């Protein structure tokens, strides 16, 4: 299973608001995808602030949030002092359920392995010539 991101864009022309609602996994690999959508949302109306709501994410990497903040700060400034890209981040970043699945599915370890090194339990067959 891989990390995937889902983005829902809501643009209300009458109220002058644009929101990107994110679900799935926000990682350093999915930040460039989200960055493209932020730029597209800004092109709808450059004077309208864009909300990027990460509260629906299943998993958020701290490094990804740092990268996303840098992307938000690089956006051109508007007339007001309000930032044109606002990030809504949960207080506690959700951990990756995929890494927990990977840890539980890791190969069995032999109790005789030295220094805690994992030893895969597998059988190899030799092809006869």
Foldseek 3Di string as FASTA:
>chain_A
DDWDKDWDWDADPVVQEIEIEIETEQDLVCLVVVLVVVVVSCVVPVQGAYEYEDPRYQFYDPVSVVVNVVSQVPRDQHPDPDRSYHYHDDPDTHHDVVVVVCVVVDADADPPDPPPDRDHDDDDDDDDD
